[in-house]
Amino acid sequence: MSSLVIRDATERDVPAIVAMLADDDKGGLREDVSEVLNPGYAAAFAAINADPNHHLLVAERGGILIGTFQLSFLPGLSHRGAWRGQIEAVRIARERRGQGLGREMIEWAIARCRDRGCRMVQLSTHRSRNRAHAFYERLGFEPSHVGMKLHLVGTGV
């Protein structure tokens, strides 16, 4: 089997990424996989792509897109001006789950954070995703904080 290749996403990858984001109980309720993609996806891709501290990434094996995640580098004053790596929107194609690909992707992301001099790597996962919590804990992540969100309706966000 060919090795996993992780690369920056291209605009052509966006429909496949959106399909992966939509392929679970949470994403299926919030993503739009219409044949013509919502223009918000193109705008978000352009913003991510234009910022050197944000990376939308895809994982391929044998030329087939099988995973995605976003990796962001965040500066902050806390911890004596430490940078943090933020991993979000981790997905593996349904038919490829359970093969260790998520571990490869997260380990790759952690290595990039080390390369950038980050003091820590953080991520969030929905409180109902118990299997994801166990997965991240096996990789050394600790459930140290409580995340909170305020959904802004009607703001275009």
C-alpha atoms as a PDB file:
ATOM      1  CA  MET A   1       0.000   0.000   0.000  1.00  0.00           C
ATOM      2  CA  SER A   2       1.344   3.445  -0.891  1.00  0.00           C
ATOM      3  CA  SER A   3       2.299   5.874   1.869  1.00  0.00           C
ATOM      4  CA  LEU A   4       0.091   8.634   3.143  1.00  0.00           C
ATOM      5  CA  VAL A   5       0.710  12.035   1.533  1.00  0.00           C
ATOM      6  CA  ILE A   6      -0.404  15.132   3.410  1.00  0.00           C
ATOM      7  CA  ARG A   7      -0.527  18.340   1.380  1.00  0.00           C
ATOM      8  CA  ASP A   8      -2.179  21.732   1.270  1.00  0.00           C
ATOM      9  CA  ALA A   9      -5.664  21.511  -0.182  1.00  0.00           C
ATOM     10  CA  THR A  10      -6.443  23.081  -3.531  1.00  0.00           C
ATOM     11  CA  GLU A  11      -9.668  24.690  -4.631  1.00  0.00           C
ATOM     12  CA  ARG A  12     -10.481  21.504  -6.569  1.00  0.00           C
ATOM     13  CA  ASP A  13     -10.382  19.544  -3.275  1.00  0.00           C
ATOM     14  CA  VAL A  14     -13.077  21.656  -1.601  1.00  0.00           C
ATOM     15  CA  PRO A  15     -16.120  19.586  -2.728  1.00  0.00           C
ATOM     16  CA  ALA A  16     -14.523  16.356  -1.424  1.00  0.00           C
ATOM     17  CA  ILE A  17     -13.575  18.077   1.847  1.00  0.00           C
ATOM     18  CA  VAL A  18     -17.122  19.364   2.313  1.00  0.00           C
ATOM     19  CA  ALA A  19     -18.455  15.854   1.627  1.00  0.00           C
ATOM     20  CA  MET A  20     -16.194  14.454   4.381  1.00  0.00           C
ATOM     21  CA  LEU A  21     -17.274  17.197   6.779  1.00  0.00           C
ATOM     22  CA  ALA A  22     -20.920  16.338   6.054  1.00  0.00           C
ATOM     23  CA  ASP A  23     -20.479  12.579   6.481  1.00  0.00           C
ATOM     24  CA  ASP A  24     -21.399  12.236  10.144  1.00  0.00           C
ATOM     25  CA  ASP A  25     -24.281  12.986  12.477  1.00  0.00           C
ATOM     26  CA  LYS A  26     -23.075  16.503  13.333  1.00  0.00           C
ATOM     27  CA  GLY A  27     -21.759  17.644   9.953  1.00  0.00           C
ATOM     28  CA  GLY A  28     -24.750  16.260   8.094  1.00  0.00           C
ATOM     29  CA  LEU A  29     -26.889  18.866   9.832  1.00  0.00           C
ATOM     30  CA  ARG A  30     -24.688  21.882   9.135  1.00  0.00           C
ATOM     31  CA  GLU A  31     -22.927  21.313   5.795  1.00  0.00           C
ATOM     32  CA  ASP A  32     -24.376  21.843   2.315  1.00  0.00           C
ATOM     33  CA  VAL A  33     -23.313  19.239  -0.236  1.00  0.00           C
ATOM     34  CA  SER A  34     -25.426  20.583  -3.097  1.00  0.00           C
ATOM     35  CA  GLU A  35     -24.065  20.029  -6.581  1.00  0.00           C
ATOM     36  CA  VAL A  36     -23.214  23.739  -6.723  1.00  0.00           C
ATOM     37  CA  LEU A  37     -21.383  24.466  -3.487  1.00  0.00           C
ATOM     38  CA  ASN A  38     -22.429  27.317  -1.266  1.00  0.00           C
ATOM     39  CA  PRO A  39     -20.168  30.309  -2.070  1.00  0.00           C
ATOM     40  CA  GLY A  40     -19.214  30.498   1.606  1.00  0.00           C
ATOM     41  CA  TYR A  41     -16.959  27.478   1.115  1.00  0.00           C
ATOM     42  CA  ALA A  42     -14.965  29.212  -1.651  1.00  0.00           C
ATOM     43  CA  ALA A  43     -14.645  32.369   0.451  1.00  0.00           C
ATOM     44  CA  ALA A  44     -13.461  30.385   3.466  1.00  0.00           C
ATOM     45  CA  PHE A  45     -10.962  28.468   1.341  1.00  0.00           C
ATOM     46  CA  ALA A  46      -9.593  31.721  -0.103  1.00  0.00           C
ATOM     47  CA  ALA A  47      -9.195  33.247   3.373  1.00  0.00           C
ATOM     48  CA  ILE A  48      -7.427  30.170   4.746  1.00  0.00           C
ATOM     49  CA  ASN A  49      -5.215  29.912   1.681  1.00  0.00           C
ATOM     50  CA  ALA A  50      -4.198  33.598   1.897  1.00  0.00           C
ATOM     51  CA  ASP A  51      -3.056  33.416   5.537  1.00  0.00           C
ATOM     52  CA  PRO A  52       0.341  31.782   6.199  1.00  0.00           C
ATOM     53  CA  ASN A  53      -0.784  30.799   9.715  1.00  0.00           C
ATOM     54  CA  HIS A  54      -3.701  28.689   8.481  1.00  0.00           C
ATOM     55  CA  HIS A  55      -3.538  25.507   6.439  1.00  0.00           C
ATOM     56  CA  LEU A  56      -6.372  23.421   5.049  1.00  0.00           C
ATOM     57  CA  LEU A  57      -4.804  20.032   4.505  1.00  0.00           C
ATOM     58  CA  VAL A  58      -5.759  16.817   2.792  1.00  0.00           C
ATOM     59  CA  ALA A  59      -4.383  13.312   3.122  1.00  0.00           C
ATOM     60  CA  GLU A  60      -4.079  11.096   0.058  1.00  0.00           C
ATOM     61  CA  ARG A  61      -3.128   7.505  -0.466  1.00  0.00           C
ATOM     62  CA  GLY A  62      -2.573   6.307  -4.007  1.00  0.00           C
ATOM     63  CA  GLY A  63      -3.867   9.620  -5.349  1.00  0.00           C
ATOM     64  CA  ILE A  64      -7.204   9.221  -3.546  1.00  0.00           C
ATOM     65  CA  LEU A  65      -8.253  11.893  -1.051  1.00  0.00           C
ATOM     66  CA  ILE A  66      -8.993  10.060   2.230  1.00  0.00           C
ATOM     67  CA  GLY A  67      -8.697  12.655   4.985  1.00  0.00           C
ATOM     68  CA  THR A  68      -8.680  16.324   5.859  1.00  0.00           C
ATOM     69  CA  PHE A  69      -7.990  18.721   8.715  1.00  0.00           C
ATOM     70  CA  GLN A  70      -7.186  22.351   9.341  1.00  0.00           C
ATOM     71  CA  LEU A  71      -3.974  23.346  11.113  1.00  0.00           C
ATOM     72  CA  SER A  72      -3.637  26.888  12.410  1.00  0.00           C
ATOM     73  CA  PHE A  73      -0.777  28.599  14.220  1.00  0.00           C
ATOM     74  CA  LEU A  74      -1.942  31.053  16.875  1.00  0.00           C
ATOM     75  CA  PRO A  75       0.252  33.640  18.589  1.00  0.00           C
ATOM     76  CA  GLY A  76      -0.563  34.625  22.141  1.00  0.00           C
ATOM     77  CA  LEU A  77       0.786  36.464  25.145  1.00  0.00           C
ATOM     78  CA  SER A  78      -0.064  33.648  27.559  1.00  0.00           C
ATOM     79  CA  HIS A  79       2.739  31.232  28.437  1.00  0.00           C
ATOM     80  CA  ARG A  80       5.333  33.971  27.839  1.00  0.00           C
ATOM     81  CA  GLY A  81       4.290  34.686  24.282  1.00  0.00           C
ATOM     82  CA  ALA A  82       3.901  31.067  23.217  1.00  0.00           C
ATOM     83  CA  TRP A  83       2.554  29.987  19.868  1.00  0.00           C
ATOM     84  CA  ARG A  84      -0.100  27.266  19.790  1.00  0.00           C
ATOM     85  CA  GLY A  85      -1.035  24.832  17.094  1.00  0.00           C
ATOM     86  CA  GLN A  86      -4.787  24.440  16.628  1.00  0.00           C
ATOM     87  CA  ILE A  87      -6.086  21.303  14.895  1.00  0.00           C
ATOM     88  CA  GLU A  88      -9.695  21.391  13.697  1.00  0.00           C
ATOM     89  CA  ALA A  89     -12.162  19.622  11.401  1.00  0.00           C
ATOM     90  CA  VAL A  90     -10.348  16.276  11.380  1.00  0.00           C
ATOM     91  CA  ARG A  91     -12.088  13.789   9.114  1.00  0.00           C
ATOM     92  CA  ILE A  92     -11.248  10.443   7.555  1.00  0.00           C
ATOM     93  CA  ALA A  93     -13.336   9.065   4.682  1.00  0.00           C
ATOM     94  CA  ARG A  94     -15.866   6.640   6.155  1.00  0.00           C
ATOM     95  CA  GLU A  95     -14.543   3.588   4.287  1.00  0.00           C
ATOM     96  CA  ARG A  96     -10.971   4.293   5.503  1.00  0.00           C
ATOM     97  CA  ARG A  97     -11.650   4.747   9.215  1.00  0.00           C
ATOM     98  CA  GLY A  98      -9.965   2.414  11.683  1.00  0.00           C
ATOM     99  CA  GLN A  99      -6.771   2.013   9.612  1.00  0.00           C
ATOM    100  CA  GLY A 100      -4.491   4.325  11.625  1.00  0.00           C
ATOM    101  CA  LEU A 101      -4.768   7.213   9.174  1.00  0.00           C
ATOM    102  CA  GLY A 102      -6.059   9.644  11.794  1.00  0.00           C
ATOM    103  CA  ARG A 103      -3.045   8.869  13.958  1.00  0.00           C
ATOM    104  CA  GLU A 104      -0.716   9.553  11.015  1.00  0.00           C
ATOM    105  CA  MET A 105      -2.433  12.866  10.286  1.00  0.00           C
ATOM    106  CA  ILE A 106      -2.332  14.055  13.910  1.00  0.00           C
ATOM    107  CA  GLU A 107       1.290  12.996  14.366  1.00  0.00           C
ATOM    108  CA  TRP A 108       2.146  14.890  11.159  1.00  0.00           C
ATOM    109  CA  ALA A 109       0.347  17.983  12.516  1.00  0.00           C
ATOM    110  CA  ILE A 110       2.158  17.753  15.860  1.00  0.00           C
ATOM    111  CA  ALA A 111       5.502  17.552  14.044  1.00  0.00           C
ATOM    112  CA  ARG A 112       4.646  20.716  12.045  1.00  0.00           C
ATOM    113  CA  CYS A 113       3.753  22.473  15.307  1.00  0.00           C
ATOM    114  CA  ARG A 114       7.129  21.505  16.759  1.00  0.00           C
ATOM    115  CA  ASP A 115       8.818  22.772  13.584  1.00  0.00           C
ATOM    116  CA  ARG A 116       7.041  26.138  14.048  1.00  0.00           C
ATOM    117  CA  GLY A 117       8.155  26.390  17.684  1.00  0.00           C
ATOM    118  CA  CYS A 118       4.697  25.964  19.194  1.00  0.00           C
ATOM    119  CA  ARG A 119       4.615  25.383  22.923  1.00  0.00           C
ATOM    120  CA  MET A 120       1.384  23.375  22.742  1.00  0.00           C
ATOM    121  CA  VAL A 121      -1.104  21.787  20.385  1.00  0.00           C
ATOM    122  CA  GLN A 122      -4.808  22.067  21.073  1.00  0.00           C
ATOM    123  CA  LEU A 123      -8.000  20.886  19.487  1.00  0.00           C
ATOM    124  CA  SER A 124     -11.674  20.675  20.234  1.00  0.00           C
ATOM    125  CA  THR A 125     -14.124  17.865  19.705  1.00  0.00           C
ATOM    126  CA  HIS A 126     -17.835  17.714  20.411  1.00  0.00           C
ATOM    127  CA  ARG A 127     -18.643  16.440  23.888  1.00  0.00           C
ATOM    128  CA  SER A 128     -20.704  13.575  22.413  1.00  0.00           C
ATOM    129  CA  ARG A 129     -17.778  12.145  20.398  1.00  0.00           C
ATOM    130  CA  ASN A 130     -16.536   9.678  23.010  1.00  0.00           C
ATOM    131  CA  ARG A 131     -14.525   7.623  20.514  1.00  0.00           C
ATOM    132  CA  ALA A 132     -12.729  10.780  19.357  1.00  0.00           C
ATOM    133  CA  HIS A 133     -11.961  11.721  22.970  1.00  0.00           C
ATOM    134  CA  ALA A 134     -10.411   8.290  23.593  1.00  0.00           C
ATOM    135  CA  PHE A 135      -8.446   8.547  20.328  1.00  0.00           C
ATOM    136  CA  TYR A 136      -6.938  11.928  21.213  1.00  0.00           C
ATOM    137  CA  GLU A 137      -6.148  10.833  24.764  1.00  0.00           C
ATOM    138  CA  ARG A 138      -4.222   7.830  23.359  1.00  0.00           C
ATOM    139  CA  LEU A 139      -2.147  10.374  21.421  1.00  0.00           C
ATOM    140  CA  GLY A 140      -1.327  12.271  24.630  1.00  0.00           C
ATOM    141  CA  PHE A 141      -3.963  15.013  24.582  1.00  0.00           C
ATOM    142  CA  GLU A 142      -5.562  15.851  27.917  1.00  0.00           C
ATOM    143  CA  PRO A 143      -9.122  17.097  28.434  1.00  0.00           C
ATOM    144  CA  SER A 144      -7.947  20.231  30.240  1.00  0.00           C
ATOM    145  CA  HIS A 145     -10.532  22.914  29.408  1.00  0.00           C
ATOM    146  CA  VAL A 146     -14.223  23.368  28.776  1.00  0.00           C
ATOM    147  CA  GLY A 147     -14.963  24.830  25.353  1.00  0.00           C
ATOM    148  CA  MET A 148     -17.893  27.145  24.814  1.00  0.00           C
ATOM    149  CA  LYS A 149     -19.505  28.545  21.685  1.00  0.00           C
ATOM    150  CA  LEU A 150     -21.981  31.251  20.917  1.00  0.00           C
ATOM    151  CA  HIS A 151     -23.668  30.718  17.566  1.00  0.00           C
ATOM    152  CA  LEU A 152     -24.388  34.022  15.838  1.00  0.00           C
ATOM    153  CA  VAL A 153     -27.487  33.697  13.680  1.00  0.00           C
ATOM    154  CA  GLY A 154     -27.968  35.920  10.671  1.00  0.00           C
ATOM    155  CA  THR A 155     -24.393  37.281  10.604  1.00  0.00           C
ATOM    156  CA  GLY A 156     -23.285  35.363   7.534  1.00  0.00           C
ATOM    157  CA  VAL A 157     -20.882  33.339   9.689  1.00  0.00           C
END
